[in-house]
Every structure is written in C-alpha cells, then in structure tokens.
Amino acid sequence: LERLAFRDALTDLYNRRYLFKFFESHSEAGGVIYYLDLDGFKRVNDFCGHDEGDQVLKEVASRLQRLVADGLGAFVVRIGGDEFVIHFSGVSDKEEINEQAEAIIHALSAWEQGYALSASVGIASYPANYKGALEPLLKQADEALYLAKAEGKNTYKFF
C-alpha cells in the first residue's frame, strides 16, 4: 500500500505526495530542489505515440536515478507528465549546485534514438533549519524553470 501511495505507477519514482511527506520531517538539513521539464517531449508523443513517450519517461527516470544514486537524502520525484523534481539534502555550495544542474542537463541531452530532447531546470535552495513550507519553494523553482525555457531551453536558472 505504501508503494501505491508514494510511487509513480509508470516510472516507479517517488510521487508528489512522497515529496511533501519527506519535506515535513526532513527540511532541517537544508537542501536544493531542481524542478525540470523535458524540452521537445510533446513532439515524441505527437509523432511517435504515447507508448514511445512512456518509454522515454522511463528512460528519463532511470537516468535521473543514476544521478542521485550516491547522494545522501537525494531522490527523484515525477510530478506528472514530463515534469520531475530532484531533491538533494544538505547541499548549499553554489559550485556543487551548478555541477549537479549541468549533470542533469547532460544526462538528458543525448539520445541514441535521435529524439530532439533536452531539459530545462529551475533551482530553488533552502537553508538548514528552514521553517517554511515546500509549496513556495516549488513555486520558486518552477518560476526559475520558465526563465530557463524563455532563454532558449536546455539550461538552468536559479530563483
């Protein structure tokens, strides 16, 4: 039952419900939220079909899981559609945040199948002992994501 409640059925990544539950009890360490969206995903669904689109989403999930495999307090969430959140706990170094964002973009920009896909990423960080809610942080990361898309996609922006 817990798996059904906290996992995405298609990708087996955590879902939005898990993200909120995690944040309620683990925000004291501080961290970073990367909100990402696939650039060009609609074309995959439109021209290759939804089954192919589902396979792409599973591959994205696999690639993102590999990126966070060694990170303590790091996990990937599928928000819905082609939107994902990556959360890293205890990260505050700007250079490390930049490196992680570049790794995300690199991991999602090369496709053997010839898909013209990439990722845009919005970043919001929060300090240790943060007392605020998750929703404003997600909104900030989402706003940064749209700044990245407005600047030509396949990039990242900070809130």
Protein backbone atom coordinates (compact mmCIF):
# COMPACT_ATOMS: atom_id res chain seq x y z
CA LEU A 1 0.00 0.00 0.00
CA GLU A 2 2.86 2.36 0.77
CA ARG A 3 4.28 1.77 -2.71
CA LEU A 4 0.93 2.65 -4.26
CA ALA A 5 0.67 5.77 -2.13
CA PHE A 6 4.18 7.16 -2.69
CA ARG A 7 5.32 5.87 -6.11
CA ASP A 8 4.53 6.90 -9.65
CA ALA A 9 2.87 3.99 -11.48
CA LEU A 10 4.74 4.48 -14.78
CA THR A 11 8.29 5.25 -13.66
CA ASP A 12 8.32 3.85 -10.10
CA LEU A 13 9.86 7.15 -8.97
CA TYR A 14 8.55 8.84 -5.87
CA ASN A 15 5.47 10.99 -6.40
CA ARG A 16 4.43 14.46 -5.23
CA ARG A 17 2.78 13.03 -2.09
CA TYR A 18 6.11 11.49 -1.01
CA LEU A 19 7.95 14.78 -1.60
CA PHE A 20 5.59 16.64 0.72
CA LYS A 21 5.76 13.90 3.37
CA PHE A 22 9.57 13.86 3.22
CA PHE A 23 9.82 17.62 3.48
CA GLU A 24 7.62 17.76 6.57
CA SER A 25 10.13 15.76 8.57
CA HIS A 26 13.48 16.38 6.86
CA SER A 27 13.72 20.08 5.94
CA GLU A 28 16.06 20.85 8.87
CA ALA A 29 19.12 19.80 6.84
CA GLY A 30 18.51 22.40 4.13
CA GLY A 31 18.88 21.49 0.51
CA VAL A 32 18.21 22.13 -3.14
CA ILE A 33 15.22 21.49 -5.36
CA TYR A 34 15.74 21.07 -9.09
CA TYR A 35 12.47 21.35 -10.98
CA LEU A 36 12.86 20.09 -14.52
CA ASP A 37 10.82 19.72 -17.63
CA LEU A 38 11.71 17.95 -20.86
CA ASP A 39 12.16 20.19 -23.90
CA GLY A 40 10.65 18.63 -27.01
CA PHE A 41 8.73 15.84 -25.28
CA LYS A 42 5.39 16.79 -26.88
CA ARG A 43 6.89 16.01 -30.30
CA VAL A 44 7.78 12.49 -29.15
CA ASN A 45 4.19 11.86 -28.09
CA ASP A 46 2.75 13.51 -31.20
CA PHE A 47 4.96 11.80 -33.79
CA CYS A 48 5.97 8.52 -32.13
CA GLY A 49 2.90 7.85 -29.99
CA HIS A 50 2.20 7.74 -26.28
CA ASP A 51 3.67 4.27 -25.82
CA GLU A 52 7.01 5.58 -27.11
CA GLY A 53 6.58 8.65 -24.90
CA ASP A 54 6.11 6.37 -21.89
CA GLN A 55 9.34 4.57 -22.77
CA VAL A 56 11.15 7.91 -22.92
CA LEU A 57 9.79 8.85 -19.48
CA LYS A 58 11.01 5.52 -18.07
CA GLU A 59 14.45 6.15 -19.56
CA VAL A 60 14.50 9.67 -18.08
CA ALA A 61 13.60 8.18 -14.69
CA SER A 62 16.44 5.68 -14.99
CA ARG A 63 18.98 8.35 -15.93
CA LEU A 64 17.91 10.63 -13.09
CA GLN A 65 18.03 7.74 -10.61
CA ARG A 66 21.65 7.11 -11.61
CA LEU A 67 22.46 10.78 -10.97
CA VAL A 68 21.23 10.65 -7.39
CA ALA A 69 22.36 7.12 -6.55
CA ASP A 70 25.29 8.23 -4.38
CA GLY A 71 23.65 11.25 -2.77
CA LEU A 72 22.50 11.05 0.83
CA GLY A 73 19.00 12.46 1.07
CA ALA A 74 18.83 12.66 -2.71
CA PHE A 75 15.83 11.36 -4.62
CA VAL A 76 13.80 11.90 -7.78
CA VAL A 77 10.09 12.66 -7.99
CA ARG A 78 7.84 12.54 -11.02
CA ILE A 79 5.44 15.43 -10.58
CA GLY A 80 3.41 14.46 -13.64
CA GLY A 81 3.68 14.42 -17.41
CA ASP A 82 7.27 15.28 -18.26
CA GLU A 83 7.95 17.26 -15.06
CA PHE A 84 10.34 15.97 -12.42
CA VAL A 85 11.88 17.21 -9.18
CA ILE A 86 15.26 16.19 -7.86
CA HIS A 87 15.91 16.89 -4.19
CA PHE A 88 19.35 16.96 -2.57
CA SER A 89 19.55 17.39 1.21
CA GLY A 90 22.30 19.37 2.90
CA VAL A 91 23.69 20.93 -0.28
CA SER A 92 24.41 24.65 -0.18
CA ASP A 93 27.66 25.13 -2.12
CA LYS A 94 26.87 27.07 -5.30
CA GLU A 95 29.59 25.30 -7.28
CA GLU A 96 28.18 21.89 -6.34
CA ILE A 97 24.66 23.07 -7.22
CA ASN A 98 25.91 24.22 -10.65
CA GLU A 99 27.70 20.91 -11.23
CA GLN A 100 24.56 18.94 -10.37
CA ALA A 101 22.44 21.10 -12.70
CA GLU A 102 24.93 20.61 -15.54
CA ALA A 103 24.95 16.85 -14.89
CA ILE A 104 21.14 16.79 -15.15
CA ILE A 105 21.18 18.66 -18.45
CA HIS A 106 23.98 16.49 -19.83
CA ALA A 107 22.22 13.26 -18.81
CA LEU A 108 19.05 14.25 -20.67
CA SER A 109 20.51 15.76 -23.83
CA ALA A 110 21.94 12.72 -25.67
CA TRP A 111 19.51 10.23 -27.19
CA GLU A 112 20.60 7.33 -29.39
CA GLN A 113 17.10 7.13 -30.85
CA GLY A 114 17.53 10.57 -32.42
CA TYR A 115 15.00 12.35 -30.22
CA ALA A 116 15.43 16.11 -30.10
CA LEU A 117 15.05 16.17 -26.33
CA SER A 118 16.77 18.19 -23.65
CA ALA A 119 15.88 19.56 -20.23
CA SER A 120 15.28 22.95 -18.69
CA VAL A 121 15.87 23.22 -14.95
CA GLY A 122 14.76 25.68 -12.29
CA ILE A 123 16.61 25.70 -8.99
CA ALA A 124 15.50 26.78 -5.53
CA SER A 125 17.55 26.20 -2.41
CA TYR A 126 16.61 26.46 1.23
CA PRO A 127 18.79 26.84 4.32
CA ALA A 128 19.27 24.45 7.21
CA ASN A 129 16.52 24.73 9.83
CA TYR A 130 14.12 26.07 7.19
CA LYS A 131 10.71 26.60 8.80
CA GLY A 132 8.74 27.42 5.67
CA ALA A 133 6.54 25.20 3.56
CA LEU A 134 7.52 23.22 0.47
CA GLU A 135 4.91 24.78 -1.82
CA PRO A 136 6.64 28.22 -2.06
CA LEU A 137 9.95 26.51 -2.85
CA LEU A 138 8.34 24.50 -5.64
CA LYS A 139 6.77 27.68 -6.99
CA GLN A 140 10.17 29.41 -6.93
CA ALA A 141 11.85 26.51 -8.73
CA ASP A 142 9.01 26.45 -11.27
CA GLU A 143 9.44 30.19 -11.93
CA ALA A 144 13.17 29.64 -12.47
CA LEU A 145 12.34 26.76 -14.83
CA TYR A 146 10.26 29.06 -17.02
CA LEU A 147 13.10 31.60 -17.08
CA ALA A 148 15.35 28.81 -18.38
CA LYS A 149 12.80 27.92 -21.06
CA ALA A 150 12.46 31.58 -22.05
CA GLU A 151 16.23 31.80 -22.54
CA GLY A 152 16.28 29.04 -25.12
CA LYS A 153 15.84 25.82 -23.13
CA ASN A 154 18.49 23.18 -22.36
CA THR A 155 19.79 25.31 -19.49
CA TYR A 156 19.20 26.04 -15.83
CA LYS A 157 18.33 29.12 -13.82
CA PHE A 158 18.29 29.95 -10.13
CA PHE A 159 15.35 31.56 -8.40
